[in-house]
Amino acid sequence: MIEYQNILDKNMLNVFKDILIYIRDKGLSNNNHLYVTFSTNHQNVELPNWLKQKYPEEMTIVIQYEYYDLEINKNSFSISLSFNDIKTNLKIDYNSIISFADPSANFGLILKKNKIHKNVNNKMKKKKLNKNNVINFSNYKKN
């Protein structure tokens, strides 16, 4: 069976990596800025404890004017950002990324695989399925 979602997720991450490489190599124009939302409790995310306490599940960073030491690796990227005038190093695993967007370019992607992984426990706790969002494709199958 072809795993379409896995192929799509992998390629969406490659789009994100290419955007980071572009930012590293050429910088950002005055209008462009990138919002990156990621799971802070992912095992391969590294950030100071005070940030983990403030954002125990997820966090959105903005890459715009003040960012330093952007480094792109095979499985993660690292960046230094300023939080309340404290220069802070972050290492963010690509598999922890939930979404990214550049509002100035009206572009963004939601990485469903990572969001689903994060929300599995929440859905299990609620044990409630909203059937209003379910489409039954069996009505459209050819006989």
Foldseek 3Di string as FASTA:
>chain_A
DDPVLVVVLVVVLVVVLVVLVCCVVPNDDQQWKKKWKFFCPPPPKDWDPVVCVVPVGMDIDMGHDDKDDWADDDFWTKIWDADPNDTIIIIGGSLGTQKMDTVSVPDMDGSVVNVCVSCVVVCVVVVDDDCVPDDDCVVVDDD
